Protein backbone atom coordinates (compact mmCIF):
# COMPACT_ATOMS: atom_id res chain seq x y z
CA UNK A 1 -28.03 28.94 19.82
CA UNK A 2 -25.18 27.11 18.11
CA UNK A 3 -24.47 23.53 19.03
CA UNK A 4 -21.08 21.86 18.88
CA UNK A 5 -20.86 18.70 16.76
CA UNK A 6 -17.97 16.28 16.94
CA UNK A 7 -16.49 14.85 13.72
CA UNK A 8 -14.62 11.57 14.13
CA UNK A 9 -12.00 9.96 11.90
CA UNK A 10 -14.19 7.97 9.46
CA UNK A 11 -13.83 4.33 8.51
CA UNK A 12 -11.05 4.29 5.91
CA UNK A 13 -12.01 1.01 4.25
CA UNK A 14 -9.72 -1.80 3.03
CA UNK A 15 -9.33 -3.05 6.61
CA UNK A 16 -7.41 0.08 7.65
CA UNK A 17 -7.78 0.93 11.32
CA UNK A 18 -5.64 4.03 11.83
CA UNK A 19 -4.19 7.03 10.06
CA UNK A 20 -1.50 9.64 10.67
CA UNK A 21 -2.31 13.33 10.61
CA UNK A 22 -0.07 14.82 7.92
CA UNK A 23 -1.40 18.36 7.65
CA UNK A 24 -4.30 20.31 9.08
CA UNK A 25 -6.15 22.27 6.40
CA UNK A 26 -8.15 24.40 8.88
CA UNK A 27 -7.43 26.14 12.16
CA UNK A 28 -9.57 26.78 15.24
CA UNK A 29 -11.82 29.71 14.47
CA UNK A 30 -11.99 29.02 10.72
CA UNK A 31 -15.36 28.83 9.02
CA UNK A 32 -15.76 25.59 7.06
CA UNK A 33 -18.30 24.68 4.39
CA UNK A 34 -20.15 21.39 4.16
CA UNK A 35 -17.87 18.65 2.77
CA UNK A 36 -14.82 20.92 2.82
CA UNK A 37 -11.53 18.99 3.32
CA UNK A 38 -10.28 19.74 6.83
CA UNK A 39 -7.27 17.44 7.30
CA UNK A 40 -4.83 15.44 5.20
CA UNK A 41 -4.10 11.97 6.62
CA UNK A 42 -1.81 9.16 5.54
CA UNK A 43 -2.73 5.51 5.91
CA UNK A 44 -0.74 2.43 5.08
CA UNK A 45 -2.27 2.63 1.59
CA UNK A 46 -2.41 6.26 0.51
CA UNK A 47 -2.59 9.91 1.48
CA UNK A 48 -6.12 11.37 1.40
CA UNK A 49 -7.98 14.54 2.33
CA UNK A 50 -10.86 14.02 4.76
CA UNK A 51 -13.96 16.21 4.24
CA UNK A 52 -16.13 17.31 7.17
CA UNK A 53 -19.91 16.77 6.78
CA UNK A 54 -20.66 19.89 8.87
CA UNK A 55 -20.69 23.57 8.01
CA UNK A 56 -19.82 26.05 10.77
CA UNK A 57 -16.95 27.33 12.90
CA UNK A 58 -14.09 25.02 13.96
CA UNK A 59 -13.91 25.11 17.76
CA UNK A 60 -11.26 22.44 18.44
CA UNK A 61 -8.80 20.12 16.71
CA UNK A 62 -7.61 16.81 18.16
CA UNK A 63 -4.09 15.64 17.47
CA UNK A 64 -1.01 17.40 16.20
CA UNK A 65 0.58 16.75 12.82
CA UNK A 66 2.44 13.44 13.01
CA UNK A 67 -0.04 11.93 15.48
CA UNK A 68 -1.55 8.52 14.66
CA UNK A 69 -5.28 8.21 15.38
CA UNK A 70 -7.53 5.13 15.32
CA UNK A 71 -10.75 5.04 13.33
CA UNK A 72 -13.51 6.55 15.48
CA UNK A 73 -11.24 8.99 17.33
CA UNK A 74 -12.34 12.67 17.39
CA UNK A 75 -10.79 14.83 14.66
CA UNK A 76 -12.41 18.20 15.36
CA UNK A 77 -15.56 19.92 16.63
CA UNK A 78 -17.68 22.39 14.69
CA UNK A 79 -20.17 24.92 16.07
CA UNK A 80 -23.24 25.00 13.82
CA UNK A 81 -26.57 26.77 14.10
CA UNK A 82 -28.90 23.85 14.79
CA UNK A 83 -32.30 23.15 16.27
CA UNK A 84 -31.85 19.43 16.77
CA UNK A 85 -29.56 17.71 19.26
CA UNK A 86 -26.11 16.61 18.13
CA UNK A 87 -25.55 12.93 17.27
CA UNK A 88 -24.59 10.52 20.00
CA UNK A 89 -20.81 10.01 20.34
CA UNK A 90 -20.90 6.48 18.89
CA UNK A 91 -23.00 7.41 15.85
CA UNK A 92 -21.59 8.42 12.50
CA UNK A 93 -21.56 12.21 11.93
CA UNK A 94 -23.87 12.27 8.93
CA UNK A 95 -27.18 13.40 10.46
CA UNK A 96 -28.93 16.62 9.36
CA UNK A 97 -28.36 19.30 11.99
CA UNK A 98 -31.66 20.99 11.18
CA UNK A 99 -30.46 24.04 9.30
CA UNK A 100 -28.88 22.55 6.19
CA UNK A 101 -25.39 22.85 7.71
CA UNK A 102 -24.48 19.17 7.62
CA UNK A 103 -24.39 16.63 4.80
CA UNK A 104 -25.09 12.96 4.47
CA UNK A 105 -22.24 12.51 2.04
CA UNK A 106 -19.53 9.98 2.75
CA UNK A 107 -15.91 9.89 1.68
CA UNK A 108 -15.85 7.78 -1.48
CA UNK A 109 -14.06 4.52 -0.78
CA UNK A 110 -13.84 5.23 2.95
CA UNK A 111 -17.17 6.25 4.43
CA UNK A 112 -18.21 8.21 7.49
CA UNK A 113 -20.82 5.72 8.51
CA UNK A 114 -19.00 2.46 9.20
CA UNK A 115 -20.64 -0.30 11.28
CA UNK A 116 -19.95 0.18 14.95
CA UNK A 117 -18.36 -3.23 15.22
CA UNK A 118 -15.46 -2.10 13.08
CA UNK A 119 -14.64 0.91 15.25
CA UNK A 120 -12.31 0.84 18.23
CA UNK A 121 -13.59 2.44 21.39
CA UNK A 122 -11.38 5.26 22.56
CA UNK A 123 -11.30 7.22 25.77
CA UNK A 124 -13.70 10.19 25.36
CA UNK A 125 -11.87 13.45 24.70
CA UNK A 126 -13.04 16.87 25.83
CA UNK A 127 -12.69 20.17 24.04
CA UNK A 128 -13.04 23.81 25.03
CA UNK A 129 -15.28 25.62 22.58
CA UNK A 130 -13.60 28.99 22.94
CA UNK A 131 -9.94 27.97 22.59
CA UNK A 132 -7.77 25.60 20.57
CA UNK A 133 -7.40 22.12 22.04
CA UNK A 134 -4.83 19.55 20.96
CA UNK A 135 -5.70 16.14 22.41
CA UNK A 136 -3.93 13.22 20.76
CA UNK A 137 -5.71 9.93 21.23
CA UNK A 138 -3.86 6.72 22.16
CA UNK A 139 -3.84 3.99 19.53
CA UNK A 140 -3.87 1.00 21.88
CA UNK A 141 -5.30 -0.02 25.22
CA UNK A 142 -3.49 -0.48 28.49
CA UNK A 143 -2.19 -3.83 29.69
CA UNK A 144 -2.75 -3.58 33.44
CA UNK A 145 -1.77 -7.08 34.48
CA UNK A 146 1.29 -8.72 32.90
CA UNK A 147 0.43 -12.07 34.48
CA UNK A 148 -3.10 -12.19 33.06
CA UNK A 149 -4.50 -12.11 29.54
CA UNK A 150 -3.75 -9.19 27.25
CA UNK A 151 -6.91 -7.08 26.52
CA UNK A 152 -7.92 -6.16 23.01
CA UNK A 153 -5.19 -4.09 21.47
CA UNK A 154 -5.00 -2.35 18.14
CA UNK A 155 -5.69 -4.98 15.39
CA UNK A 156 -2.57 -3.88 13.53
CA UNK A 157 -0.40 -4.26 16.65
CA UNK A 158 -1.99 -7.58 17.60
CA UNK A 159 -1.57 -9.00 14.09
CA UNK A 160 2.06 -7.89 13.89
CA UNK A 161 2.80 -9.60 17.22
CA UNK A 162 1.01 -12.80 16.22
CA UNK A 163 2.82 -13.03 12.87
CA UNK A 164 6.17 -12.86 14.64
CA UNK A 165 5.34 -15.16 17.56
CA UNK A 166 5.60 -12.37 20.13
CA UNK A 167 3.86 -12.61 23.51
CA UNK A 168 2.40 -9.16 24.19
CA UNK A 169 2.44 -9.81 27.93
CA UNK A 170 6.22 -9.49 27.78
CA UNK A 171 6.11 -6.10 26.04
CA UNK A 172 6.40 -2.82 27.96
CA UNK A 173 4.23 -0.10 26.44
CA UNK A 174 5.74 3.33 25.86
CA UNK A 175 2.40 5.07 25.37
CA UNK A 176 0.38 6.95 27.95
CA UNK A 177 -0.45 4.79 31.00
CA UNK A 178 1.67 1.97 29.60
CA UNK A 179 -0.18 1.63 26.29
CA UNK A 180 1.47 -0.81 23.86
CA UNK A 181 2.15 0.95 20.56
CA UNK A 182 3.28 -0.46 17.23
CA UNK A 183 6.81 0.85 17.75
CA UNK A 184 6.99 -1.13 21.01
CA UNK A 185 6.12 -4.37 19.21
CA UNK A 186 8.56 -3.69 16.36
CA UNK A 187 11.36 -3.03 18.86
CA UNK A 188 10.56 -6.23 20.75
CA UNK A 189 10.57 -8.23 17.50
CA UNK A 190 13.91 -6.73 16.51
CA UNK A 191 15.45 -7.63 19.88
CA UNK A 192 14.01 -11.15 19.68
CA UNK A 193 15.55 -11.70 16.23
CA UNK A 194 18.87 -10.27 17.32
CA UNK A 195 18.92 -12.62 20.29
CA UNK A 196 18.41 -15.60 17.99
CA UNK A 197 20.96 -14.52 15.39
CA UNK A 198 23.57 -12.95 17.65
CA UNK A 199 27.03 -14.61 17.50
CA UNK A 200 28.84 -15.59 20.70
CA UNK A 201 30.03 -12.61 22.67
CA UNK A 202 33.69 -11.76 21.98
CA UNK A 203 36.29 -11.91 24.71
CA UNK A 204 36.58 -8.71 26.76
CA UNK A 205 38.99 -6.13 25.42
CA UNK A 206 40.80 -3.34 27.18
CA UNK A 207 39.10 -0.66 25.07
CA UNK A 208 35.51 -0.47 23.78
CA UNK A 209 34.97 -0.95 20.06
CA UNK A 210 34.47 2.20 18.04
CA UNK A 211 30.92 2.95 16.88
CA UNK A 212 29.73 5.29 14.14
CA UNK A 213 27.74 8.36 15.05
CA UNK A 214 24.00 8.20 14.32
CA UNK A 215 23.00 11.03 11.99
CA UNK A 216 19.27 10.38 11.72
CA UNK A 217 16.47 7.99 12.69
CA UNK A 218 13.66 7.67 10.14
CA UNK A 219 10.37 6.23 11.46
CA UNK A 220 9.02 3.29 9.47
CA UNK A 221 5.40 4.34 9.23
CA UNK A 222 2.78 5.30 6.69
CA UNK A 223 3.50 4.06 3.17
CA UNK A 224 7.16 3.33 3.95
CA UNK A 225 6.19 1.27 6.99
CA UNK A 226 3.53 -0.64 5.06
CA UNK A 227 6.03 -1.47 2.31
CA UNK A 228 8.56 -2.68 4.88
CA UNK A 229 5.98 -4.92 6.58
CA UNK A 230 4.78 -6.38 3.29
CA UNK A 231 8.26 -7.09 1.92
CA UNK A 232 9.35 -8.68 5.21
CA UNK A 233 6.28 -10.88 5.26
CA UNK A 234 6.87 -11.91 1.63
CA UNK A 235 10.43 -13.02 2.40
CA UNK A 236 9.29 -14.92 5.52
CA UNK A 237 6.39 -16.77 3.90
CA UNK A 238 7.10 -17.22 0.18
CA UNK A 239 9.73 -19.71 -1.08
CA UNK A 240 10.61 -17.70 -4.16
CA UNK A 241 12.77 -18.61 -7.13
CA UNK A 242 13.90 -16.57 -10.14
CA UNK A 243 14.57 -17.45 -13.76
CA UNK A 244 15.58 -15.07 -16.53
CA UNK A 245 16.24 -14.84 -20.26
CA UNK A 246 17.61 -12.29 -22.74
CA UNK A 247 15.24 -11.40 -25.58
CA UNK A 248 15.60 -9.49 -28.84
CA UNK A 249 13.04 -6.66 -28.51
CA UNK A 250 13.82 -5.06 -31.88
CA UNK A 251 10.62 -6.25 -33.56
CA UNK A 252 8.47 -5.22 -30.57
CA UNK A 253 9.94 -1.71 -30.61
CA UNK A 254 9.34 -1.50 -34.37
CA UNK A 255 5.74 -2.65 -33.97
CA UNK A 256 5.12 0.02 -31.33
CA UNK A 257 6.65 2.71 -33.54
CA UNK A 258 4.44 1.66 -36.46
CA UNK A 259 1.30 1.58 -34.32
CA UNK A 260 1.93 5.07 -32.94
CA UNK A 261 2.73 6.44 -36.39
CA UNK A 262 -0.68 5.26 -37.62
CA UNK A 263 -2.43 7.88 -35.48
CA UNK A 264 -4.72 7.69 -32.49
CA UNK A 265 -3.76 7.45 -28.80
CA UNK A 266 -0.13 6.56 -28.19
CA UNK A 267 0.63 3.09 -26.90
CA UNK A 268 3.24 2.78 -24.18
CA UNK A 269 5.83 0.03 -24.02
CA UNK A 270 4.63 -1.15 -20.61
CA UNK A 271 1.11 -1.47 -22.05
CA UNK A 272 2.41 -3.83 -24.74
CA UNK A 273 4.28 -5.86 -22.14
CA UNK A 274 1.15 -5.95 -19.99
CA UNK A 275 -0.85 -7.26 -22.94
CA UNK A 276 1.78 -9.96 -23.45
CA UNK A 277 1.56 -10.85 -19.72
CA UNK A 278 -2.20 -11.29 -19.77
CA UNK A 279 -1.90 -13.62 -22.77
CA UNK A 280 0.83 -15.60 -20.98
CA UNK A 281 -1.24 -15.86 -17.80
CA UNK A 282 -4.14 -17.26 -19.82
CA UNK A 283 -1.78 -20.08 -20.89
CA UNK A 284 -0.19 -20.49 -17.44
CA UNK A 285 -2.94 -19.68 -14.88
CA UNK A 286 -0.88 -21.17 -12.06
CA UNK A 287 0.99 -17.86 -11.83
CA UNK A 288 -2.19 -15.81 -11.39
CA UNK A 289 -2.92 -17.24 -7.97
CA UNK A 290 -2.32 -16.97 -4.25
CA UNK A 291 -1.70 -19.46 -1.44
CA UNK A 292 -4.17 -19.86 1.43
CA UNK A 293 -1.76 -21.05 4.10
CA UNK A 294 -4.44 -21.82 6.68
CA UNK A 295 -6.48 -23.99 4.30
CA UNK A 296 -3.30 -25.29 2.59
CA UNK A 297 -4.80 -24.50 -0.82
CA UNK A 298 -3.63 -22.79 -3.99
CA UNK A 299 -6.33 -20.30 -5.01
CA UNK A 300 -6.28 -19.70 -8.78
CA UNK A 301 -7.85 -16.42 -9.83
CA UNK A 302 -9.97 -15.75 -12.91
CA UNK A 303 -9.33 -12.03 -13.41
CA UNK A 304 -5.92 -10.43 -13.87
CA UNK A 305 -5.53 -7.32 -11.75
CA UNK A 306 -2.12 -6.17 -12.91
CA UNK A 307 0.05 -4.20 -10.51
CA UNK A 308 3.07 -2.21 -11.62
CA UNK A 309 5.87 -0.90 -9.44
CA UNK A 310 6.17 2.90 -9.47
CA UNK A 311 8.78 4.97 -7.66
CA UNK A 312 7.36 8.23 -6.28
CA UNK A 313 8.58 10.97 -3.94
CA UNK A 314 6.72 9.18 -1.14
CA UNK A 315 8.38 5.86 -1.89
CA UNK A 316 7.57 2.70 -3.81
CA UNK A 317 3.90 2.14 -4.62
CA UNK A 318 2.19 -0.55 -6.71
CA UNK A 319 -0.98 0.76 -8.42
CA UNK A 320 -3.28 -1.88 -9.86
CA UNK A 321 -4.89 -2.00 -13.33
CA UNK A 322 -8.21 -3.81 -12.87
CA UNK A 323 -9.35 -6.52 -15.30
CA UNK A 324 -6.25 -6.16 -17.44
CA UNK A 325 -7.18 -9.30 -19.39
CA UNK A 326 -10.15 -7.48 -20.95
CA UNK A 327 -8.29 -4.31 -21.96
CA UNK A 328 -6.74 -3.39 -25.29
CA UNK A 329 -3.26 -1.91 -25.59
CA UNK A 330 -4.82 1.56 -25.89
CA UNK A 331 -6.94 1.06 -22.77
CA UNK A 332 -3.94 -0.26 -20.84
CA UNK A 333 -1.85 2.75 -21.92
CA UNK A 334 -4.51 5.17 -20.69
CA UNK A 335 -4.90 3.42 -17.33
CA UNK A 336 -1.15 3.19 -16.75
CA UNK A 337 -0.88 6.91 -17.48
CA UNK A 338 -3.74 7.77 -15.11
CA UNK A 339 -2.38 5.73 -12.22
CA UNK A 340 1.19 6.97 -12.76
CA UNK A 341 0.04 10.59 -12.58
CA UNK A 342 -2.02 9.86 -9.46
CA UNK A 343 1.06 8.28 -7.87
CA UNK A 344 3.16 11.31 -8.78
CA UNK A 345 0.65 13.73 -7.22
CA UNK A 346 -0.08 11.57 -4.17
CA UNK A 347 -3.77 11.07 -5.02
CA UNK A 348 -3.86 7.28 -5.29
CA UNK A 349 -6.71 5.79 -3.25
CA UNK A 350 -6.52 2.56 -1.22
CA UNK A 351 -8.61 0.95 -3.96
CA UNK A 352 -5.93 1.86 -6.51
CA UNK A 353 -3.26 0.11 -4.45
CA UNK A 354 -4.89 -3.16 -3.42
CA UNK A 355 -6.22 -6.34 -4.97
CA UNK A 356 -3.39 -7.08 -7.42
CA UNK A 357 -2.89 -10.64 -8.67
CA UNK A 358 0.34 -10.25 -10.70
CA UNK A 359 2.97 -7.49 -10.86
CA UNK A 360 5.12 -5.94 -13.58
CA UNK A 361 8.39 -4.43 -12.38
CA UNK A 362 10.05 -2.20 -14.98
CA UNK A 363 13.38 -1.61 -13.26
CA UNK A 364 14.92 -0.83 -16.63
CA UNK A 365 13.87 2.80 -16.10
CA UNK A 366 16.69 2.98 -13.54
CA UNK A 367 19.24 1.99 -16.17
CA UNK A 368 19.84 -1.55 -14.88
CA UNK A 369 19.66 -4.86 -16.72
CA UNK A 370 18.45 -7.29 -14.08
CA UNK A 371 17.08 -7.71 -10.57
CA UNK A 372 15.76 -10.34 -8.15
CA UNK A 373 12.70 -8.54 -6.79
CA UNK A 374 10.64 -9.56 -3.78
CA UNK A 375 7.18 -10.85 -4.66
CA UNK A 376 4.31 -8.51 -3.83
CA UNK A 377 2.59 -10.57 -1.12
CA UNK A 378 0.15 -12.36 -1.40
CA UNK A 379 0.69 -12.66 -5.16
CA UNK A 380 2.54 -15.62 -6.67
CA UNK A 381 4.77 -14.02 -9.31
CA UNK A 382 6.38 -10.87 -10.69
CA UNK A 383 7.80 -10.19 -14.14
CA UNK A 384 10.89 -7.97 -14.18
CA UNK A 385 11.91 -5.92 -17.23
CA UNK A 386 15.44 -4.58 -17.62
CA UNK A 387 16.61 -1.74 -19.82
CA UNK A 388 16.37 -2.19 -23.60
CA UNK A 389 19.84 -1.55 -24.97
CA UNK A 390 21.68 -2.07 -28.27
CA UNK A 391 23.87 -5.21 -28.12
CA UNK A 392 25.58 -7.61 -30.53
CA UNK A 393 23.11 -10.41 -31.33
CA UNK A 394 23.01 -13.30 -33.78
CA UNK A 395 20.01 -12.61 -36.04
CA UNK A 396 19.16 -14.81 -39.03
CA UNK A 397 22.55 -16.46 -38.72
CA UNK A 398 24.51 -13.23 -38.78
CA UNK A 399 25.95 -10.97 -36.11
CA UNK A 400 23.96 -7.75 -35.85
CA UNK A 401 23.24 -4.92 -33.43
CA UNK A 402 19.80 -5.52 -31.91
CA UNK A 403 17.68 -4.04 -29.11
CA UNK A 404 18.07 -6.56 -26.27
CA UNK A 405 16.20 -6.78 -22.97
CA UNK A 406 16.60 -9.09 -20.00
CA UNK A 407 13.33 -10.53 -18.65
CA UNK A 408 13.16 -12.16 -15.23
CA UNK A 409 10.38 -14.05 -13.48
CA UNK A 410 10.31 -14.37 -9.70
CA UNK A 411 7.69 -16.92 -8.65
CA UNK A 412 6.30 -18.70 -5.61
CA UNK A 413 7.63 -22.25 -5.89
CA UNK A 414 4.59 -23.53 -4.00
CA UNK A 415 2.21 -22.75 -6.88
CA UNK A 416 4.23 -24.34 -9.68
CA UNK A 417 7.49 -25.98 -10.63
CA UNK A 418 10.31 -24.61 -12.77
CA UNK A 419 8.84 -26.08 -15.95
CA UNK A 420 5.70 -23.95 -15.67
CA UNK A 421 7.67 -20.83 -14.76
CA UNK A 422 10.09 -21.43 -17.62
CA UNK A 423 7.22 -21.98 -20.06
CA UNK A 424 5.60 -18.69 -19.02
CA UNK A 425 8.84 -16.74 -19.38
CA UNK A 426 9.67 -18.36 -22.72
CA UNK A 427 6.25 -17.45 -24.11
CA UNK A 428 6.71 -13.83 -22.99
CA UNK A 429 10.15 -13.74 -24.63
CA UNK A 430 8.74 -15.22 -27.85
CA UNK A 431 6.07 -12.50 -28.00
CA UNK A 432 8.71 -9.82 -27.39
CA UNK A 433 10.90 -11.21 -30.18
CA UNK A 434 8.02 -11.95 -32.58
CA UNK A 435 4.93 -9.85 -31.74
CA UNK A 436 2.96 -11.81 -34.32
CA UNK A 437 2.95 -14.73 -31.84
CA UNK A 438 0.61 -12.66 -29.69
CA UNK A 439 -1.96 -12.44 -32.49
CA UNK A 440 -2.75 -16.11 -32.06
CA UNK A 441 -4.33 -15.39 -28.65
CA UNK A 442 -6.24 -12.21 -29.58
């Protein structure tokens, strides 16, 4: 006799507590193999396919495409031929079902067997074995008494409210049974800010002011929502400043051309600039740091995990090259290429997108010379690279046409003063203009 096993949304790692169902890869009645991907979900970090550890027939799916589910919520049920009882609801679905139709494998970087303390309890859902069932699960808990304390709510929602000084007892939930959702908190924050910034009301007029027609409302969620939250937090918390300089990149471009003509793997321009950055950070370690606001400490970091801004069809992402200070130009080129392709195909993992300590922003690919970017919180600095373009330039005392690039450094003024930032940027410019300068640090 077949038994029905429930597969829950596994722990996604990196502190992520929820995910949005993007696309179901199986339907009720389909036969699935062990570890076959069954659903594609999007978190605040990346889009991933979730494999099911059971082999059998899908009897129910929980949640329609576009639904956000918390970790631990049911995803689907599978009927398998088994001689042992199914796992308890709170256990991770990795036990052997007795006939070789389940696996103990976990999703690399995410895991199906997270500690129970990290899971949110959700209201048990029921499913009919013989027919499709769509049962979206709420992502927050009810607030029954506005006068009393607010019960445990989604960590993401609670953190967002705390960061913006919002009292959740004053928020009306739009979810089922009055559940407070993230969109409720964001709307309350927006209204609170508007109330503070709103100008005095104008005198009444005889006719209402004209308003433009709304053509579309785009939800800020998934990667786009995570980017919005991070950029907003950066602007709120980091007192940033920017300095910039024009540099003659003619010699750097010639050095790259010569290196690639010598054979072997091709070296990209961003890899050379990354190598220059790691050498500069070794001289100015203040910029490879973060600020612990609670402890009121500047935390200087040993390793350089170099992020780089990449524009994809799903929006702006910042993949991270680990231990960039230990990599050669060839190794950096290969890793940049791998992460860029993963970003293009939507296969970046949360591990690829977190843990950066310094960011390169090559906005020159958009055909612009300069920018004042927002620092990638909680990092302390970002180097911006404009387009490299032929311009008149005084070289060796004579006017000549040279390949010129504008470099800009946006930095957290809490970690250093302008002298340090200027010294870092000047060293980078010197290496761009005279690549031989870099040899002194190799």
